[in-house]
Amino acid sequence: MERHVIQKKYEFLRIIDRLEDENLLIVITSIRDISDDWKTGNINLLSRHSHSKEFQLDNVPKNIQGLTEVAPTQISPIEFLKLTKLYKNDVESFLIYNPK
């Protein structure tokens, strides 16, 4: 009997959207758990933690102003656990987390 090999990855993602018409800056961050079955080609993407925050464009905090988008970036299982804990205790730090 053949076994399917499932590879797990963890990713951090940040999306920043500037809505001039609505005078809003939107920051969305997410930690994703991805399972990839290389035999079947199936990908299972689970967003463990996501958070979004809105700021008025004329009142964006300095620590948020310097943020850039982060494309899905692979992080280690240890970083994943650290971020999960951080998210529960400090959403602001989670939003400004920068992967190495």
N, C-alpha and C. Protein backbone atom coordinates (compact mmCIF):
# COMPACT_ATOMS: atom_id res chain seq x y z
N MET A 1 0.83 -1.19 0.00
CA MET A 1 0.00 0.00 0.00
C MET A 1 0.88 1.26 0.00
N GLU A 2 0.60 2.15 -0.94
CA GLU A 2 1.39 3.37 -1.07
C GLU A 2 0.85 4.48 -0.18
N ARG A 3 1.77 5.23 0.42
CA ARG A 3 1.36 6.37 1.26
C ARG A 3 1.51 7.66 0.49
N HIS A 4 0.55 8.57 0.71
CA HIS A 4 0.68 9.90 0.13
C HIS A 4 1.61 10.71 1.03
N VAL A 5 2.53 11.42 0.42
CA VAL A 5 3.41 12.28 1.20
C VAL A 5 2.82 13.69 1.20
N ILE A 6 2.50 14.14 2.39
CA ILE A 6 1.93 15.48 2.52
C ILE A 6 2.98 16.38 3.17
N GLN A 7 3.28 17.47 2.48
CA GLN A 7 4.27 18.42 2.99
C GLN A 7 3.53 19.60 3.59
N LYS A 8 3.95 20.00 4.79
CA LYS A 8 3.33 21.14 5.46
C LYS A 8 4.26 22.34 5.39
N LYS A 9 3.67 23.51 5.15
CA LYS A 9 4.43 24.75 5.15
C LYS A 9 3.65 25.78 5.96
N TYR A 10 4.35 26.76 6.45
CA TYR A 10 3.71 27.86 7.16
C TYR A 10 4.14 29.15 6.48
N GLU A 11 3.18 30.04 6.30
CA GLU A 11 3.47 31.30 5.61
C GLU A 11 2.89 32.49 6.37
N PHE A 12 3.57 33.61 6.20
CA PHE A 12 3.08 34.88 6.70
C PHE A 12 2.78 35.75 5.48
N LEU A 13 1.70 36.50 5.56
CA LEU A 13 1.24 37.32 4.43
C LEU A 13 0.75 38.66 4.95
N ARG A 14 1.05 39.73 4.23
CA ARG A 14 0.48 41.04 4.60
C ARG A 14 -0.01 41.75 3.34
N ILE A 15 -1.22 42.23 3.40
CA ILE A 15 -1.82 42.98 2.29
C ILE A 15 -2.12 44.39 2.80
N ILE A 16 -1.75 45.37 2.01
CA ILE A 16 -2.05 46.76 2.38
C ILE A 16 -2.84 47.38 1.24
N ASP A 17 -3.97 47.95 1.57
CA ASP A 17 -4.81 48.55 0.54
C ASP A 17 -5.12 49.99 0.94
N ARG A 18 -4.88 50.89 0.00
CA ARG A 18 -5.12 52.30 0.26
C ARG A 18 -6.36 52.72 -0.54
N LEU A 19 -7.43 53.06 0.17
CA LEU A 19 -8.69 53.46 -0.48
C LEU A 19 -8.86 54.97 -0.36
N GLU A 20 -8.36 55.68 -1.35
CA GLU A 20 -8.41 57.15 -1.31
C GLU A 20 -9.84 57.66 -1.21
N ASP A 21 -10.76 57.05 -1.98
CA ASP A 21 -12.16 57.50 -1.99
C ASP A 21 -12.81 57.43 -0.60
N GLU A 22 -12.39 56.41 0.16
CA GLU A 22 -12.99 56.23 1.49
C GLU A 22 -12.09 56.72 2.61
N ASN A 23 -10.93 57.31 2.22
CA ASN A 23 -9.97 57.84 3.20
C ASN A 23 -9.51 56.76 4.19
N LEU A 24 -9.22 55.57 3.65
CA LEU A 24 -8.84 54.46 4.51
C LEU A 24 -7.56 53.76 4.06
N LEU A 25 -6.79 53.34 5.06
CA LEU A 25 -5.68 52.43 4.82
C LEU A 25 -6.08 51.13 5.51
N ILE A 26 -6.05 50.04 4.77
CA ILE A 26 -6.42 48.75 5.33
C ILE A 26 -5.20 47.85 5.36
N VAL A 27 -4.93 47.28 6.52
CA VAL A 27 -3.82 46.35 6.67
C VAL A 27 -4.41 44.98 7.05
N ILE A 28 -4.09 43.97 6.26
CA ILE A 28 -4.56 42.62 6.54
C ILE A 28 -3.33 41.74 6.69
N THR A 29 -3.24 41.03 7.81
CA THR A 29 -2.14 40.09 8.00
C THR A 29 -2.72 38.71 8.26
N SER A 30 -1.97 37.71 7.86
CA SER A 30 -2.47 36.35 7.98
C SER A 30 -1.30 35.38 8.16
N ILE A 31 -1.51 34.37 9.01
CA ILE A 31 -0.56 33.27 9.12
C ILE A 31 -1.27 32.06 8.54
N ARG A 32 -0.63 31.43 7.56
CA ARG A 32 -1.29 30.35 6.85
C ARG A 32 -0.57 29.02 7.04
N ASP A 33 -1.37 28.00 7.15
CA ASP A 33 -0.88 26.63 7.27
C ASP A 33 -1.23 25.95 5.94
N ILE A 34 -0.22 25.49 5.21
CA ILE A 34 -0.46 24.92 3.88
C ILE A 34 -0.02 23.46 3.85
N SER A 35 -0.92 22.61 3.43
CA SER A 35 -0.58 21.19 3.23
C SER A 35 -0.60 20.93 1.74
N ASP A 36 0.46 20.30 1.27
CA ASP A 36 0.61 20.05 -0.16
C ASP A 36 0.82 18.56 -0.37
N ASP A 37 -0.14 17.91 -1.03
CA ASP A 37 -0.01 16.48 -1.33
C ASP A 37 0.59 16.36 -2.73
N TRP A 38 1.89 16.07 -2.79
CA TRP A 38 2.57 16.10 -4.09
C TRP A 38 2.10 14.97 -5.01
N LYS A 39 1.52 13.91 -4.47
CA LYS A 39 1.02 12.81 -5.31
C LYS A 39 -0.25 13.20 -6.06
N THR A 40 -1.18 13.83 -5.34
CA THR A 40 -2.47 14.17 -5.96
C THR A 40 -2.48 15.60 -6.50
N GLY A 41 -1.53 16.42 -6.02
CA GLY A 41 -1.50 17.82 -6.43
C GLY A 41 -2.45 18.69 -5.62
N ASN A 42 -3.14 18.09 -4.64
CA ASN A 42 -4.08 18.85 -3.82
C ASN A 42 -3.34 19.77 -2.85
N ILE A 43 -3.82 20.99 -2.75
CA ILE A 43 -3.26 21.95 -1.79
C ILE A 43 -4.38 22.35 -0.84
N ASN A 44 -4.11 22.24 0.44
CA ASN A 44 -5.08 22.63 1.45
C ASN A 44 -4.52 23.84 2.19
N LEU A 45 -5.18 24.97 2.04
CA LEU A 45 -4.69 26.21 2.64
C LEU A 45 -5.61 26.58 3.79
N LEU A 46 -5.03 26.68 4.98
CA LEU A 46 -5.80 27.01 6.17
C LEU A 46 -5.20 28.27 6.77
N SER A 47 -6.02 29.29 6.92
CA SER A 47 -5.55 30.52 7.54
C SER A 47 -5.77 30.40 9.04
N ARG A 48 -4.71 30.18 9.77
CA ARG A 48 -4.83 29.97 11.21
C ARG A 48 -5.27 31.24 11.93
N HIS A 49 -4.61 32.34 11.56
CA HIS A 49 -4.94 33.61 12.20
C HIS A 49 -4.89 34.70 11.16
N SER A 50 -5.92 35.49 11.12
CA SER A 50 -5.94 36.66 10.24
C SER A 50 -6.44 37.83 11.05
N HIS A 51 -5.93 38.97 10.71
CA HIS A 51 -6.42 40.18 11.38
C HIS A 51 -6.38 41.32 10.38
N SER A 52 -7.41 42.14 10.39
CA SER A 52 -7.38 43.32 9.53
C SER A 52 -7.70 44.54 10.38
N LYS A 53 -7.07 45.63 10.01
CA LYS A 53 -7.26 46.87 10.75
C LYS A 53 -7.38 48.02 9.77
N GLU A 54 -8.24 48.96 10.07
CA GLU A 54 -8.43 50.12 9.20
C GLU A 54 -7.97 51.39 9.91
N PHE A 55 -7.36 52.28 9.13
CA PHE A 55 -6.90 53.56 9.67
C PHE A 55 -7.35 54.67 8.74
N GLN A 56 -7.74 55.81 9.30
CA GLN A 56 -8.02 57.00 8.49
C GLN A 56 -6.69 57.45 7.88
N LEU A 57 -6.69 57.79 6.60
CA LEU A 57 -5.44 58.15 5.93
C LEU A 57 -4.72 59.32 6.60
N ASP A 58 -5.47 60.22 7.19
CA ASP A 58 -4.84 61.38 7.84
C ASP A 58 -4.45 61.09 9.29
N ASN A 59 -4.63 59.84 9.73
CA ASN A 59 -4.33 59.49 11.11
C ASN A 59 -3.75 58.08 11.22
N VAL A 60 -2.78 57.77 10.35
CA VAL A 60 -2.14 56.44 10.38
C VAL A 60 -0.96 56.51 11.35
N PRO A 61 -0.93 55.63 12.37
CA PRO A 61 0.20 55.66 13.32
C PRO A 61 1.54 55.48 12.61
N LYS A 62 2.59 56.08 13.19
CA LYS A 62 3.92 56.05 12.56
C LYS A 62 4.41 54.62 12.32
N ASN A 63 4.18 53.72 13.29
CA ASN A 63 4.69 52.36 13.11
C ASN A 63 3.95 51.61 12.00
N ILE A 64 2.77 52.05 11.65
CA ILE A 64 2.01 51.43 10.57
C ILE A 64 2.38 52.08 9.22
N GLN A 65 2.71 53.37 9.23
CA GLN A 65 3.06 54.09 8.00
C GLN A 65 4.20 53.42 7.24
N GLY A 66 5.16 52.85 7.98
CA GLY A 66 6.33 52.28 7.34
C GLY A 66 6.14 50.85 6.84
N LEU A 67 4.96 50.29 7.03
CA LEU A 67 4.74 48.90 6.63
C LEU A 67 4.70 48.74 5.11
N THR A 68 5.18 47.59 4.67
CA THR A 68 5.09 47.24 3.25
C THR A 68 4.34 45.93 3.14
N GLU A 69 3.88 45.64 1.94
CA GLU A 69 3.21 44.36 1.71
C GLU A 69 4.23 43.24 1.86
N VAL A 70 3.77 42.08 2.27
CA VAL A 70 4.63 40.90 2.34
C VAL A 70 3.94 39.80 1.55
N ALA A 71 4.59 39.37 0.47
CA ALA A 71 4.04 38.25 -0.31
C ALA A 71 4.10 37.01 0.57
N PRO A 72 3.33 35.99 0.27
CA PRO A 72 3.38 34.79 1.11
C PRO A 72 4.83 34.34 1.32
N THR A 73 5.28 34.39 2.55
CA THR A 73 6.67 34.13 2.90
C THR A 73 6.74 32.95 3.85
N GLN A 74 7.54 31.95 3.48
CA GLN A 74 7.61 30.75 4.31
C GLN A 74 8.29 31.07 5.64
N ILE A 75 7.69 30.58 6.72
CA ILE A 75 8.27 30.74 8.06
C ILE A 75 8.38 29.35 8.69
N SER A 76 9.23 29.25 9.68
CA SER A 76 9.46 27.96 10.34
C SER A 76 8.30 27.62 11.27
N PRO A 77 8.13 26.35 11.60
CA PRO A 77 7.09 25.97 12.56
C PRO A 77 7.24 26.71 13.89
N ILE A 78 8.49 26.97 14.31
CA ILE A 78 8.72 27.69 15.57
C ILE A 78 8.23 29.14 15.45
N GLU A 79 8.55 29.79 14.31
CA GLU A 79 8.07 31.16 14.09
C GLU A 79 6.54 31.18 14.04
N PHE A 80 5.97 30.16 13.42
CA PHE A 80 4.52 30.03 13.33
C PHE A 80 3.91 30.02 14.73
N LEU A 81 4.46 29.21 15.63
CA LEU A 81 3.94 29.14 17.00
C LEU A 81 4.13 30.46 17.75
N LYS A 82 5.31 31.09 17.53
CA LYS A 82 5.57 32.38 18.18
C LYS A 82 4.56 33.43 17.74
N LEU A 83 4.30 33.46 16.43
CA LEU A 83 3.34 34.43 15.89
C LEU A 83 1.93 34.16 16.39
N THR A 84 1.58 32.89 16.47
CA THR A 84 0.25 32.53 16.97
C THR A 84 0.06 33.07 18.38
N LYS A 85 1.10 32.93 19.20
CA LYS A 85 1.04 33.43 20.57
C LYS A 85 1.00 34.96 20.59
N LEU A 86 1.84 35.55 19.76
CA LEU A 86 1.90 37.01 19.66
C LEU A 86 0.55 37.58 19.24
N TYR A 87 -0.08 36.93 18.30
CA TYR A 87 -1.37 37.39 17.80
C TYR A 87 -2.39 37.47 18.92
N LYS A 88 -2.40 36.45 19.77
CA LYS A 88 -3.38 36.42 20.86
C LYS A 88 -3.16 37.55 21.84
N ASN A 89 -1.88 37.91 22.06
CA ASN A 89 -1.56 38.88 23.10
C ASN A 89 -1.33 40.30 22.60
N ASP A 90 -0.97 40.44 21.33
CA ASP A 90 -0.57 41.77 20.86
C ASP A 90 -0.80 41.90 19.36
N VAL A 91 -2.01 42.26 18.99
CA VAL A 91 -2.38 42.36 17.58
C VAL A 91 -1.50 43.37 16.85
N GLU A 92 -1.15 44.47 17.52
CA GLU A 92 -0.34 45.51 16.88
C GLU A 92 1.02 44.96 16.43
N SER A 93 1.67 44.17 17.30
CA SER A 93 2.96 43.58 16.94
C SER A 93 2.80 42.57 15.82
N PHE A 94 1.68 41.87 15.84
CA PHE A 94 1.40 40.91 14.78
C PHE A 94 1.29 41.62 13.43
N LEU A 95 0.64 42.78 13.43
CA LEU A 95 0.48 43.55 12.19
C LEU A 95 1.83 44.02 11.66
N ILE A 96 2.75 44.38 12.57
CA ILE A 96 4.01 44.95 12.09
C ILE A 96 5.15 43.94 12.04
N TYR A 97 4.85 42.67 12.28
CA TYR A 97 5.87 41.61 12.20
C TYR A 97 6.52 41.61 10.81
N ASN A 98 7.86 41.52 10.78
CA ASN A 98 8.58 41.41 9.51
C ASN A 98 9.37 40.13 9.48
N PRO A 99 9.01 39.21 8.57
CA PRO A 99 9.78 37.96 8.50
C PRO A 99 11.22 38.24 8.09
N LYS A 100 12.11 37.39 8.55
CA LYS A 100 13.54 37.57 8.25
C LYS A 100 13.80 37.35 6.77
